[in-house]
């Protein structure tokens, strides 16, 4: 790693060194089900989510009526990054009450990988409109009682899943003579459908061989069909080498993730190729309900292969459902409610290939106009999401690939400030070594685990180049796969990132160390910034889509239960 400097970035004074002491050894965990690593996996907007039901009550509201008390209603808006608002819910009107409890609930999908900001506005509905349907009311005709805002993550991460918000006047309006506006209490409840998981064992018979000198290496990908008709992958089996009659290990599909038991699913069987160009063997379209019927009947269904012009060729190959069971699983949000936290760490590439940070063509150039470079963007966007899941908000930050200049590196609060300061306190050098950074993060996770801490660590590595120590990095990752740790890698610039994709086990087998040991689970997610920065999804969504499933996989391997809040 050349010379590695470390800062512990804290939101308050008294920051201390983040990594110290000898690494404690972690014993190998029991063999895990490979397929659990693909539990609820998907891309883009379809990461892990739970259906959340929000209920509302209020206390000490302003009384805007002369002869009676206010008749309040809650209106909920979704607030975008550009501050635009879109109305998403209206409650019923509660008559004559300054401490109302509304019956109508607001149901929405909680997405871990995005910051979902909600704005709540309360109105006193005038008597002449109280026989009108709530959705038909003109809000400008009603008296404003107060507003409050928060992120959905702030609610669901509380042990009680309840937040009390001070109601305030509208932004931009002059202060009113009556200072208080009361309080709004918002409670979140996870819907049961979010907890129902289907365990399915698939097998195939008489698959066609796609290889010249051996049998096919088949694997299955299960995708759901979204509104515009594009299949979105939600789960995937392991690869069965040289096998035309495979039986895969169980897949775990959340009913909530696929939509419902009657939502159509596409199940594709492909022959794995190490170059990523897999050959389609055949596919079927069935819902979870259909698959359950196939299991109960003990029947198979023939795979088909598209032949063009909307036609399909029916094959002799068949898909069978060997096992189909439904269970209620502990969810990501249940672990959060019982005290588990995510701890964020950052490692930044300071190798010379980034260019001189004082020049505009450098990937590290800090624009005086305030425009963020790729490194700053990744830090800000990841931090915005993960900050809600770490109570002390102390984020260790490392730099690698640099040669220190004379004088110590200043300990500046805030990752961005520390990053900017480091640029002008080190001399960019090389090589690009990931192994020491991962081992440092693993040491922190190992020590935390030994102390019985309920922390799961997330290391963000931002880099511009090819890894110099690929095998050492694999060894570090295999060892770290036993620990409460996930690693997110952002590739910036135009380099060839093929080696990064090898580390991300989505595209092939589990990582293997130099001693032949396999990773107990997939802990790496890689995204090249150039692939997503001009698309519909953000780098945050692409990176964080798999994090909750990696967290759940670790908890299930360890047989760790959420426990009471």
Protein backbone atom coordinates (compact mmCIF):
# COMPACT_ATOMS: atom_id res chain seq x y z
CA UNK A 1 0.00 0.00 0.00
CA UNK A 2 3.09 2.17 -0.06
CA UNK A 3 2.71 4.33 3.03
CA UNK A 4 -0.84 4.21 4.33
CA UNK A 5 -2.10 7.09 6.41
CA UNK A 6 -5.26 6.84 8.45
CA UNK A 7 -7.71 9.40 9.77
CA UNK A 8 -10.66 8.75 12.03
CA UNK A 9 -13.23 11.26 10.89
CA UNK A 10 -15.75 12.23 13.50
CA UNK A 11 -18.65 14.61 13.65
CA UNK A 12 -17.43 15.77 17.04
CA UNK A 13 -14.15 16.55 18.78
CA UNK A 14 -11.81 14.01 20.25
CA UNK A 15 -11.40 11.72 17.25
CA UNK A 16 -8.98 8.85 17.89
CA UNK A 17 -7.07 6.38 15.75
CA UNK A 18 -9.49 3.99 14.12
CA UNK A 19 -7.33 0.90 13.70
CA UNK A 20 -4.83 -0.34 16.25
CA UNK A 21 -3.62 -3.51 17.91
CA UNK A 22 -3.03 -6.95 16.49
CA UNK A 23 -5.59 -8.60 14.28
CA UNK A 24 -7.55 -11.33 16.00
CA UNK A 25 -7.98 -14.52 14.07
CA UNK A 26 -11.45 -15.56 12.98
CA UNK A 27 -12.32 -19.21 12.64
CA UNK A 28 -13.83 -20.50 9.43
CA UNK A 29 -17.60 -20.49 9.52
CA UNK A 30 -19.78 -23.45 8.77
CA UNK A 31 -20.28 -24.16 5.08
CA UNK A 32 -23.01 -21.89 3.79
CA UNK A 33 -25.62 -22.25 1.14
CA UNK A 34 -24.13 -20.57 -1.92
CA UNK A 35 -27.56 -19.56 -3.16
CA UNK A 36 -28.21 -17.40 -0.09
CA UNK A 37 -25.61 -15.03 -1.54
CA UNK A 38 -28.11 -14.23 -4.26
CA UNK A 39 -30.99 -13.66 -1.85
CA UNK A 40 -33.01 -10.69 -3.07
CA UNK A 41 -30.26 -9.61 -5.49
CA UNK A 42 -31.13 -7.22 -8.28
CA UNK A 43 -29.96 -4.10 -10.04
CA UNK A 44 -30.84 -0.44 -10.26
CA UNK A 45 -34.14 0.57 -8.73
CA UNK A 46 -34.95 -2.93 -7.65
CA UNK A 47 -32.70 -3.48 -4.67
CA UNK A 48 -33.91 -4.92 -1.39
CA UNK A 49 -36.99 -3.18 -0.14
CA UNK A 50 -39.73 -3.71 2.39
CA UNK A 51 -43.29 -2.53 2.31
CA UNK A 52 -43.75 -0.02 5.15
CA UNK A 53 -46.99 1.23 6.65
CA UNK A 54 -46.85 4.68 8.26
CA UNK A 55 -49.40 5.73 10.87
CA UNK A 56 -49.80 9.25 12.23
CA UNK A 57 -50.84 11.04 15.39
CA UNK A 58 -50.25 14.56 16.70
CA UNK A 59 -50.21 16.49 19.97
CA UNK A 60 -50.70 20.12 20.99
CA UNK A 61 -51.79 21.35 17.57
CA UNK A 62 -52.67 24.97 17.00
CA UNK A 63 -56.35 25.78 17.35
CA UNK A 64 -57.43 27.69 14.24
CA UNK A 65 -61.21 27.50 14.87
CA UNK A 66 -63.23 30.08 16.81
CA UNK A 67 -66.11 28.03 18.19
CA UNK A 68 -64.44 24.60 18.20
CA UNK A 69 -61.06 22.94 17.88
CA UNK A 70 -59.16 22.39 14.63
CA UNK A 71 -60.19 19.61 12.23
CA UNK A 72 -56.75 18.35 11.09
CA UNK A 73 -55.63 16.34 8.08
CA UNK A 74 -52.12 15.06 7.19
CA UNK A 75 -50.75 15.50 3.66
CA UNK A 76 -47.51 13.65 2.76
CA UNK A 77 -45.11 14.71 0.01
CA UNK A 78 -42.08 13.01 -1.47
CA UNK A 79 -39.16 15.45 -1.60
CA UNK A 80 -36.62 15.05 -4.39
CA UNK A 81 -32.96 16.12 -4.32
CA UNK A 82 -33.79 19.21 -6.33
CA UNK A 83 -36.35 20.14 -3.63
CA UNK A 84 -39.36 19.46 -5.88
CA UNK A 85 -42.38 18.02 -4.08
CA UNK A 86 -44.91 15.45 -5.21
CA UNK A 87 -47.96 14.66 -3.12
CA UNK A 88 -48.31 10.95 -2.29
CA UNK A 89 -50.91 10.67 0.52
CA UNK A 90 -53.77 12.36 2.34
CA UNK A 91 -55.27 11.16 5.61
CA UNK A 92 -58.88 11.49 6.63
CA UNK A 93 -60.05 14.59 8.53
CA UNK A 94 -60.30 14.18 12.32
CA UNK A 95 -62.99 16.49 13.65
CA UNK A 96 -62.55 18.82 16.59
CA UNK A 97 -59.18 17.58 17.91
CA UNK A 98 -55.82 19.07 18.83
CA UNK A 99 -54.38 15.61 19.55
CA UNK A 100 -55.69 13.52 16.64
CA UNK A 101 -54.92 9.89 15.84
CA UNK A 102 -55.55 9.20 12.18
CA UNK A 103 -56.83 5.79 11.11
CA UNK A 104 -55.84 5.89 7.46
CA UNK A 105 -52.33 4.51 6.88
CA UNK A 106 -49.75 5.42 4.23
CA UNK A 107 -48.05 2.43 2.59
CA UNK A 108 -44.79 2.85 0.69
CA UNK A 109 -41.77 0.81 -0.34
CA UNK A 110 -38.64 1.36 1.75
CA UNK A 111 -35.53 1.30 -0.46
CA UNK A 112 -32.29 0.91 1.47
CA UNK A 113 -30.13 2.28 -1.33
CA UNK A 114 -31.82 5.68 -1.60
CA UNK A 115 -32.55 8.57 0.73
CA UNK A 116 -36.34 8.88 0.76
CA UNK A 117 -37.15 12.33 2.13
CA UNK A 118 -40.74 12.91 3.21
CA UNK A 119 -42.48 16.21 3.98
CA UNK A 120 -45.57 16.21 6.22
CA UNK A 121 -48.02 19.11 6.21
CA UNK A 122 -51.02 19.46 8.50
CA UNK A 123 -54.11 21.45 7.57
CA UNK A 124 -57.23 22.48 9.44
CA UNK A 125 -60.07 21.63 7.04
CA UNK A 126 -62.78 24.28 6.94
CA UNK A 127 -66.25 23.16 7.97
CA UNK A 128 -67.78 23.88 4.56
CA UNK A 129 -65.44 21.29 2.94
CA UNK A 130 -65.80 18.47 5.46
CA UNK A 131 -68.30 16.52 3.37
CA UNK A 132 -65.92 16.52 0.41
CA UNK A 133 -63.54 13.66 -0.37
CA UNK A 134 -60.06 14.39 0.99
CA UNK A 135 -58.39 14.03 -2.40
CA UNK A 136 -60.72 16.67 -3.86
CA UNK A 137 -59.89 19.35 -1.29
CA UNK A 138 -58.00 22.45 -2.43
CA UNK A 139 -55.25 22.87 0.13
CA UNK A 140 -55.01 26.62 -0.50
CA UNK A 141 -58.55 26.90 0.89
CA UNK A 142 -57.55 25.22 4.19
CA UNK A 143 -55.69 26.69 7.17
CA UNK A 144 -52.08 25.59 7.50
CA UNK A 145 -51.16 24.10 10.91
CA UNK A 146 -47.50 23.25 10.46
CA UNK A 147 -45.01 21.04 8.63
CA UNK A 148 -42.09 18.71 9.35
CA UNK A 149 -39.66 16.67 7.29
CA UNK A 150 -37.44 13.62 7.75
CA UNK A 151 -35.93 10.73 5.83
CA UNK A 152 -37.73 7.38 5.96
CA UNK A 153 -34.41 5.88 7.13
CA UNK A 154 -34.59 8.03 10.27
CA UNK A 155 -37.86 6.35 11.24
CA UNK A 156 -37.09 2.72 10.45
CA UNK A 157 -33.68 2.78 12.19
CA UNK A 158 -35.19 3.75 15.55
CA UNK A 159 -35.75 0.88 17.97
CA UNK A 160 -39.41 1.86 18.38
CA UNK A 161 -39.74 2.77 14.67
CA UNK A 162 -41.38 5.95 15.92
CA UNK A 163 -40.20 9.51 15.45
CA UNK A 164 -41.59 12.70 16.99
CA UNK A 165 -41.24 15.76 14.77
CA UNK A 166 -41.64 19.40 15.76
CA UNK A 167 -44.10 21.08 13.44
CA UNK A 168 -42.91 24.38 11.99
CA UNK A 169 -44.25 27.14 9.79
CA UNK A 170 -43.71 26.87 6.04
CA UNK A 171 -40.27 27.83 4.80
CA UNK A 172 -40.21 31.34 3.41
CA UNK A 173 -43.20 32.52 5.46
CA UNK A 174 -42.91 35.23 8.09
CA UNK A 175 -42.88 34.19 11.75
CA UNK A 176 -46.31 34.14 13.32
CA UNK A 177 -47.36 35.46 16.70
CA UNK A 178 -48.10 31.97 18.05
CA UNK A 179 -44.69 30.23 18.09
CA UNK A 180 -45.69 26.63 18.72
CA UNK A 181 -47.22 24.40 16.05
CA UNK A 182 -47.40 21.12 17.97
CA UNK A 183 -45.80 17.76 17.25
CA UNK A 184 -46.37 15.03 14.68
CA UNK A 185 -45.68 11.41 15.67
CA UNK A 186 -44.94 9.00 12.81
CA UNK A 187 -44.78 5.24 13.38
CA UNK A 188 -43.52 2.70 10.83
CA UNK A 189 -44.61 -0.92 10.67
CA UNK A 190 -43.15 -3.48 8.29
CA UNK A 191 -45.83 -5.34 6.35
CA UNK A 192 -45.98 -9.12 6.78
CA UNK A 193 -45.49 -9.69 3.03
CA UNK A 194 -41.99 -8.25 3.40
CA UNK A 195 -41.09 -11.12 5.73
CA UNK A 196 -42.41 -14.03 3.69
CA UNK A 197 -39.63 -15.87 1.87
CA UNK A 198 -40.05 -18.77 -0.53
CA UNK A 199 -37.39 -21.47 -0.61
CA UNK A 200 -37.22 -23.27 -3.95
CA UNK A 201 -35.04 -26.15 -5.14
CA UNK A 202 -34.88 -26.44 -8.94
CA UNK A 203 -33.58 -29.27 -11.07
CA UNK A 204 -33.38 -29.78 -14.80
CA UNK A 205 -33.28 -32.90 -16.96
CA UNK A 206 -31.87 -33.59 -20.43
CA UNK A 207 -30.26 -30.17 -20.93
CA UNK A 208 -28.64 -29.54 -24.29
CA UNK A 209 -24.86 -29.31 -24.30
CA UNK A 210 -23.50 -25.98 -25.52
CA UNK A 211 -19.82 -26.93 -25.25
CA UNK A 212 -17.78 -28.80 -27.87
CA UNK A 213 -15.56 -30.91 -25.64
CA UNK A 214 -17.58 -31.15 -22.43
CA UNK A 215 -21.09 -30.87 -21.06
CA UNK A 216 -22.72 -27.55 -20.26
CA UNK A 217 -22.09 -25.70 -16.98
CA UNK A 218 -25.69 -24.63 -16.26
CA UNK A 219 -27.05 -22.02 -13.88
CA UNK A 220 -30.46 -20.40 -13.46
CA UNK A 221 -31.40 -16.73 -13.32
CA UNK A 222 -34.84 -15.75 -12.03
CA UNK A 223 -36.12 -12.36 -13.21
CA UNK A 224 -39.31 -10.44 -12.62
CA UNK A 225 -41.08 -8.47 -15.34
CA UNK A 226 -41.57 -4.80 -14.56
CA UNK A 227 -44.18 -2.50 -16.06
CA UNK A 228 -42.24 -1.59 -19.19
CA UNK A 229 -41.61 -5.30 -19.90
CA UNK A 230 -37.89 -5.49 -19.11
CA UNK A 231 -36.82 -8.54 -17.05
CA UNK A 232 -35.04 -7.55 -13.83
CA UNK A 233 -32.85 -10.28 -12.24
CA UNK A 234 -33.83 -11.01 -8.64
CA UNK A 235 -32.05 -14.30 -7.90
CA UNK A 236 -29.51 -16.70 -9.31
CA UNK A 237 -28.25 -20.22 -8.59
CA UNK A 238 -24.68 -21.42 -8.44
CA UNK A 239 -23.00 -22.85 -11.56
CA UNK A 240 -23.10 -26.68 -11.86
CA UNK A 241 -19.99 -27.77 -13.73
CA UNK A 242 -20.24 -30.34 -16.54
CA UNK A 243 -23.82 -31.43 -15.74
CA UNK A 244 -26.87 -31.89 -18.00
CA UNK A 245 -29.16 -33.04 -15.16
CA UNK A 246 -28.38 -30.55 -12.38
CA UNK A 247 -30.03 -30.12 -8.99
CA UNK A 248 -29.19 -26.68 -7.58
CA UNK A 249 -29.00 -25.59 -3.99
CA UNK A 250 -32.04 -23.69 -2.71
CA UNK A 251 -32.98 -20.25 -3.94
CA UNK A 252 -34.63 -17.79 -1.55
CA UNK A 253 -37.16 -15.43 -3.09
CA UNK A 254 -39.02 -12.76 -1.15
CA UNK A 255 -42.68 -12.58 -2.12
CA UNK A 256 -42.43 -8.82 -1.69
CA UNK A 257 -39.41 -8.63 -3.97
CA UNK A 258 -41.14 -10.30 -6.91
CA UNK A 259 -44.38 -8.38 -6.38
CA UNK A 260 -46.81 -11.16 -5.48
CA UNK A 261 -47.24 -14.91 -5.84
CA UNK A 262 -49.05 -14.31 -9.13
CA UNK A 263 -46.47 -11.96 -10.68
CA UNK A 264 -44.86 -13.45 -13.82
CA UNK A 265 -41.26 -14.61 -13.49
CA UNK A 266 -38.82 -15.59 -16.22
CA UNK A 267 -36.51 -18.50 -15.35
CA UNK A 268 -33.54 -18.74 -17.71
CA UNK A 269 -31.12 -21.66 -17.84
CA UNK A 270 -27.73 -20.71 -19.31
CA UNK A 271 -24.35 -22.31 -19.91
CA UNK A 272 -21.69 -20.42 -17.95
CA UNK A 273 -18.70 -19.00 -19.83
CA UNK A 274 -15.81 -17.35 -18.01
CA UNK A 275 -15.75 -14.47 -20.52
CA UNK A 276 -19.22 -13.44 -19.37
CA UNK A 277 -20.93 -14.36 -22.67
CA UNK A 278 -23.22 -17.06 -21.34
CA UNK A 279 -25.20 -19.23 -23.78
CA UNK A 280 -28.95 -19.48 -23.22
CA UNK A 281 -30.03 -23.13 -22.98
CA UNK A 282 -33.74 -22.46 -22.51
CA UNK A 283 -36.30 -20.60 -20.42
CA UNK A 284 -39.83 -20.68 -19.02
CA UNK A 285 -42.24 -18.06 -17.68
CA UNK A 286 -44.10 -18.95 -14.48
CA UNK A 287 -45.27 -17.26 -11.28
CA UNK A 288 -44.50 -18.43 -7.75
CA UNK A 289 -48.03 -19.82 -7.61
CA UNK A 290 -47.37 -21.79 -10.82
CA UNK A 291 -44.10 -23.16 -9.44
CA UNK A 292 -45.89 -24.27 -6.27
CA UNK A 293 -48.43 -26.17 -8.41
CA UNK A 294 -45.63 -27.86 -10.36
CA UNK A 295 -44.08 -28.99 -7.09
CA UNK A 296 -47.34 -30.35 -5.71
CA UNK A 297 -48.07 -32.21 -8.95
CA UNK A 298 -44.51 -33.52 -9.24
CA UNK A 299 -44.46 -32.46 -12.89
CA UNK A 300 -41.85 -30.78 -15.02
CA UNK A 301 -42.24 -28.12 -17.67
CA UNK A 302 -40.39 -28.02 -20.99
CA UNK A 303 -37.90 -25.24 -21.60
CA UNK A 304 -38.21 -23.23 -24.78
CA UNK A 305 -35.79 -21.25 -26.89
CA UNK A 306 -36.66 -18.10 -28.89
CA UNK A 307 -36.19 -18.67 -32.64
CA UNK A 308 -37.06 -15.17 -33.89
CA UNK A 309 -40.26 -13.51 -35.16
CA UNK A 310 -41.82 -14.05 -31.74
CA UNK A 311 -41.67 -17.84 -32.06
CA UNK A 312 -40.36 -20.31 -29.47
CA UNK A 313 -38.91 -23.76 -29.99
CA UNK A 314 -40.07 -26.21 -27.31
CA UNK A 315 -37.16 -28.33 -26.07
CA UNK A 316 -37.05 -31.80 -24.54
CA UNK A 317 -35.19 -30.27 -21.58
CA UNK A 318 -37.43 -29.89 -18.52
CA UNK A 319 -37.46 -27.81 -15.34
CA UNK A 320 -38.71 -29.38 -12.08
CA UNK A 321 -39.48 -27.86 -8.68
CA UNK A 322 -38.06 -30.30 -6.13
CA UNK A 323 -38.94 -28.18 -3.10
CA UNK A 324 -41.27 -25.25 -2.48
CA UNK A 325 -41.77 -23.89 1.04
CA UNK A 326 -42.78 -20.54 2.51
CA UNK A 327 -41.34 -19.20 5.77
CA UNK A 328 -41.35 -15.93 7.66
CA UNK A 329 -37.73 -14.71 7.79
CA UNK A 330 -36.10 -12.09 9.94
CA UNK A 331 -35.72 -8.95 7.85
CA UNK A 332 -33.02 -6.33 7.51
CA UNK A 333 -35.22 -3.80 9.30
CA UNK A 334 -35.79 -6.16 12.23
CA UNK A 335 -32.03 -6.36 12.77
CA UNK A 336 -31.79 -2.56 12.68
CA UNK A 337 -34.63 -2.20 15.18
CA UNK A 338 -32.86 -4.57 17.60
CA UNK A 339 -29.70 -2.46 17.69
CA UNK A 340 -27.55 -3.58 14.75
CA UNK A 341 -25.73 -0.76 12.97
CA UNK A 342 -23.77 -0.23 9.75
CA UNK A 343 -20.37 1.41 10.15
CA UNK A 344 -18.97 3.25 7.14
CA UNK A 345 -15.24 3.29 6.21
CA UNK A 346 -13.53 4.87 3.19
CA UNK A 347 -10.25 4.09 1.38
CA UNK A 348 -9.10 6.47 -1.37
CA UNK A 349 -6.62 5.81 -4.15
CA UNK A 350 -3.78 8.37 -4.10
CA UNK A 351 -1.63 6.73 -6.78
CA UNK A 352 0.11 8.93 -9.33
CA UNK A 353 -2.03 7.63 -12.20
CA UNK A 354 -4.80 9.94 -10.97
CA UNK A 355 -2.81 12.92 -12.21
CA UNK A 356 -1.55 16.03 -10.46
CA UNK A 357 -4.44 17.19 -8.19
CA UNK A 358 -3.52 20.81 -8.91
CA UNK A 359 -4.36 20.40 -12.61
CA UNK A 360 -7.93 20.35 -14.03
CA UNK A 361 -7.39 17.08 -15.92
CA UNK A 362 -6.66 15.17 -12.68
CA UNK A 363 -9.28 12.82 -11.24
CA UNK A 364 -8.40 14.41 -7.87
CA UNK A 365 -8.80 18.02 -9.05
CA UNK A 366 -10.74 20.07 -6.51
CA UNK A 367 -12.74 22.56 -8.56
CA UNK A 368 -12.85 26.04 -6.93
CA UNK A 369 -16.40 26.42 -8.30
CA UNK A 370 -17.56 23.64 -6.00
CA UNK A 371 -18.20 21.03 -8.71
CA UNK A 372 -17.42 17.65 -7.13
CA UNK A 373 -14.86 15.31 -8.65
CA UNK A 374 -15.57 11.58 -8.94
CA UNK A 375 -13.99 10.78 -5.57
CA UNK A 376 -15.98 13.48 -3.80
CA UNK A 377 -19.21 12.40 -5.48
CA UNK A 378 -18.81 8.80 -4.36
CA UNK A 379 -18.03 9.85 -0.78
CA UNK A 380 -20.98 12.25 -0.57
CA UNK A 381 -23.56 9.98 -2.20
CA UNK A 382 -22.60 6.89 -0.18
CA UNK A 383 -22.33 8.88 3.02
CA UNK A 384 -25.76 10.43 2.57
CA UNK A 385 -27.36 6.98 2.59
CA UNK A 386 -25.21 5.21 5.18
CA UNK A 387 -25.08 8.00 7.77
CA UNK A 388 -28.54 7.07 9.06
CA UNK A 389 -27.36 3.58 10.03
CA UNK A 390 -24.39 4.62 12.21
CA UNK A 391 -25.30 6.30 15.51
CA UNK A 392 -21.91 7.89 16.30
CA UNK A 393 -21.19 8.88 12.66
CA UNK A 394 -17.45 8.32 13.11
CA UNK A 395 -16.09 7.29 9.72
CA UNK A 396 -12.52 5.95 9.49
CA UNK A 397 -10.83 7.12 6.29
CA UNK A 398 -7.66 5.71 4.71
CA UNK A 399 -5.53 6.79 1.80
CA UNK A 400 -3.30 4.37 -0.13
CA UNK A 401 -0.64 4.59 -2.82
CA UNK A 402 0.92 7.86 -1.62
CA UNK A 403 4.34 8.96 -0.37
CA UNK A 404 4.02 11.28 2.63
CA UNK A 405 5.81 14.62 2.40
CA UNK A 406 7.53 16.19 5.39
CA UNK A 407 5.16 16.88 8.22
CA UNK A 408 2.16 14.98 9.58
CA UNK A 409 -1.18 14.65 7.90
CA UNK A 410 -3.68 17.00 9.57
CA UNK A 411 -6.60 15.38 11.34
CA UNK A 412 -9.52 17.31 9.88
CA UNK A 413 -13.11 16.53 10.77
CA UNK A 414 -15.25 15.26 7.93
CA UNK A 415 -14.20 12.82 5.20
CA UNK A 416 -14.34 15.44 2.46
CA UNK A 417 -12.21 17.93 4.40
CA UNK A 418 -9.74 15.20 5.30
CA UNK A 419 -9.59 14.07 1.67
CA UNK A 420 -8.96 17.59 0.36
CA UNK A 421 -6.31 18.22 3.00
CA UNK A 422 -4.57 14.93 2.20
CA UNK A 423 -4.27 15.85 -1.48
CA UNK A 424 -1.92 18.67 -0.58
CA UNK A 425 -0.06 16.82 2.17
CA UNK A 426 1.07 13.76 0.23
CA UNK A 427 2.94 13.03 -2.97
CA UNK A 428 0.93 10.74 -5.26
CA UNK A 429 2.89 7.56 -5.92
CA UNK A 430 2.03 3.85 -6.17
CA UNK A 431 1.54 0.94 -6.58
CA UNK A 432 -2.19 0.16 -6.25
CA UNK A 433 -2.37 -2.31 -3.35
CA UNK A 434 -5.78 -3.31 -2.01
CA UNK A 435 -4.66 -6.10 0.32
CA UNK A 436 -3.43 -3.92 3.22
CA UNK A 437 -6.54 -1.71 3.11
CA UNK A 438 -8.88 -4.71 3.23
CA UNK A 439 -6.83 -6.28 6.02
CA UNK A 440 -7.05 -3.04 8.03
CA UNK A 441 -10.84 -2.99 7.63
CA UNK A 442 -11.00 -6.70 8.48
CA UNK A 443 -8.98 -6.07 11.63
CA UNK A 444 -11.51 -3.47 12.75
CA UNK A 445 -14.43 -5.82 12.03
CA UNK A 446 -12.69 -8.71 13.77
CA UNK A 447 -11.99 -6.72 16.92
CA UNK A 448 -15.57 -5.44 16.97
CA UNK A 449 -16.88 -8.99 16.62
CA UNK A 450 -14.66 -10.23 19.46
CA UNK A 451 -16.11 -7.49 21.69
CA UNK A 452 -19.66 -8.61 20.95
CA UNK A 453 -20.52 -5.40 19.10
CA UNK A 454 -23.63 -5.31 16.92
CA UNK A 455 -21.86 -3.60 14.05
CA UNK A 456 -21.59 -4.53 10.40
CA UNK A 457 -18.85 -2.70 8.50
CA UNK A 458 -19.02 -1.23 5.00
CA UNK A 459 -15.71 -0.34 3.34
CA UNK A 460 -15.86 1.96 0.30
CA UNK A 461 -12.76 1.77 -1.92
CA UNK A 462 -12.49 4.41 -4.65
CA UNK A 463 -9.79 3.73 -7.24
CA UNK A 464 -8.72 4.67 -10.74
CA UNK A 465 -6.47 1.77 -11.67
CA UNK A 466 -5.62 -1.87 -12.03
CA UNK A 467 -4.85 -3.79 -8.83
CA UNK A 468 -1.16 -4.59 -8.41
CA UNK A 469 -1.70 -7.26 -5.73
CA UNK A 470 -4.63 -9.25 -7.18
CA UNK A 471 -3.85 -12.55 -5.44
CA UNK A 472 -3.11 -10.86 -2.11
CA UNK A 473 -6.42 -9.03 -2.47
CA UNK A 474 -8.24 -12.32 -3.12
CA UNK A 475 -6.62 -13.82 -0.02
CA UNK A 476 -7.70 -10.82 2.06
CA UNK A 477 -11.26 -11.02 0.72
CA UNK A 478 -11.57 -14.77 1.35
CA UNK A 479 -10.43 -14.24 4.93
CA UNK A 480 -12.72 -11.22 5.39
CA UNK A 481 -15.77 -13.13 4.10
CA UNK A 482 -16.08 -14.66 7.59
CA UNK A 483 -16.40 -11.22 9.19
CA UNK A 484 -19.22 -8.63 9.46
CA UNK A 485 -17.88 -6.71 6.47
CA UNK A 486 -18.93 -5.73 2.94
CA UNK A 487 -16.70 -3.96 0.42
CA UNK A 488 -17.96 -1.49 -2.17
CA UNK A 489 -15.55 -0.58 -4.97
CA UNK A 490 -16.03 2.46 -7.24
CA UNK A 491 -13.88 2.59 -10.36
CA UNK A 492 -13.25 6.13 -11.60
CA UNK A 493 -11.66 7.20 -14.87
CA UNK A 494 -11.15 5.19 -18.05
CA UNK A 495 -8.99 2.28 -16.86
CA UNK A 496 -9.61 -1.40 -17.61
CA UNK A 497 -11.48 -2.75 -14.58
CA UNK A 498 -11.64 -6.45 -15.53
CA UNK A 499 -9.79 -7.44 -12.36
CA UNK A 500 -12.34 -5.57 -10.25
CA UNK A 501 -15.11 -7.58 -11.86
CA UNK A 502 -13.27 -10.78 -10.89
CA UNK A 503 -13.48 -9.68 -7.25
CA UNK A 504 -17.24 -9.14 -7.62
CA UNK A 505 -18.45 -12.75 -7.50
CA UNK A 506 -21.70 -11.90 -9.32
CA UNK A 507 -20.17 -12.98 -12.60
CA UNK A 508 -18.70 -16.33 -11.63
CA UNK A 509 -17.60 -18.69 -8.90
CA UNK A 510 -16.75 -17.73 -5.35
CA UNK A 511 -13.29 -16.26 -4.78
CA UNK A 512 -10.51 -18.72 -3.99
CA UNK A 513 -7.41 -17.96 -1.93
CA UNK A 514 -3.86 -19.02 -2.77
CA UNK A 515 -4.28 -21.94 -0.36
CA UNK A 516 -7.41 -23.17 -2.13
CA UNK A 517 -9.92 -21.91 0.42
CA UNK A 518 -13.21 -20.58 -0.95
CA UNK A 519 -14.90 -17.41 0.29
CA UNK A 520 -17.77 -18.25 2.62
CA UNK A 521 -19.89 -15.59 0.90
CA UNK A 522 -19.75 -12.75 -1.64
CA UNK A 523 -18.82 -9.50 0.12
CA UNK A 524 -17.78 -7.34 -2.86
CA UNK A 525 -19.83 -5.08 -5.09
CA UNK A 526 -18.05 -3.22 -7.92
CA UNK A 527 -19.34 -0.40 -10.12
CA UNK A 528 -17.47 1.56 -12.77
CA UNK A 529 -18.61 5.15 -12.42
CA UNK A 530 -18.54 5.66 -16.19
CA UNK A 531 -21.15 2.90 -16.60
CA UNK A 532 -23.77 4.57 -14.42
CA UNK A 533 -23.06 8.29 -14.25
CA UNK A 534 -25.08 9.06 -17.40
CA UNK A 535 -27.75 6.42 -16.85
CA UNK A 536 -30.98 6.36 -14.91
CA UNK A 537 -29.55 4.87 -11.72
CA UNK A 538 -27.02 6.51 -9.44
CA UNK A 539 -23.73 4.98 -8.38
CA UNK A 540 -25.19 4.69 -4.88
CA UNK A 541 -28.11 2.56 -6.01
CA UNK A 542 -25.87 0.33 -8.09
CA UNK A 543 -23.42 -0.14 -5.21
CA UNK A 544 -25.86 -0.57 -2.35
CA UNK A 545 -28.38 -2.85 -4.05
CA UNK A 546 -26.73 -5.98 -2.66
CA UNK A 547 -25.62 -4.71 0.76
CA UNK A 548 -28.72 -5.75 2.77
CA UNK A 549 -28.61 -9.25 1.27
CA UNK A 550 -24.91 -9.55 2.16
CA UNK A 551 -25.78 -8.42 5.68
CA UNK A 552 -28.58 -11.01 5.95
CA UNK A 553 -26.35 -13.74 4.55
CA UNK A 554 -23.77 -13.06 7.26
CA UNK A 555 -26.40 -13.08 10.02
CA UNK A 556 -27.86 -16.38 8.80
CA UNK A 557 -24.46 -18.04 8.50
CA UNK A 558 -23.73 -17.00 12.07
CA UNK A 559 -27.26 -17.91 13.14
CA UNK A 560 -27.58 -14.46 14.70
CA UNK A 561 -31.14 -13.42 15.53
CA UNK A 562 -32.38 -9.83 15.78
CA UNK A 563 -33.66 -10.10 19.34
CA UNK A 564 -36.12 -7.66 20.90
CA UNK A 565 -35.74 -3.92 20.18
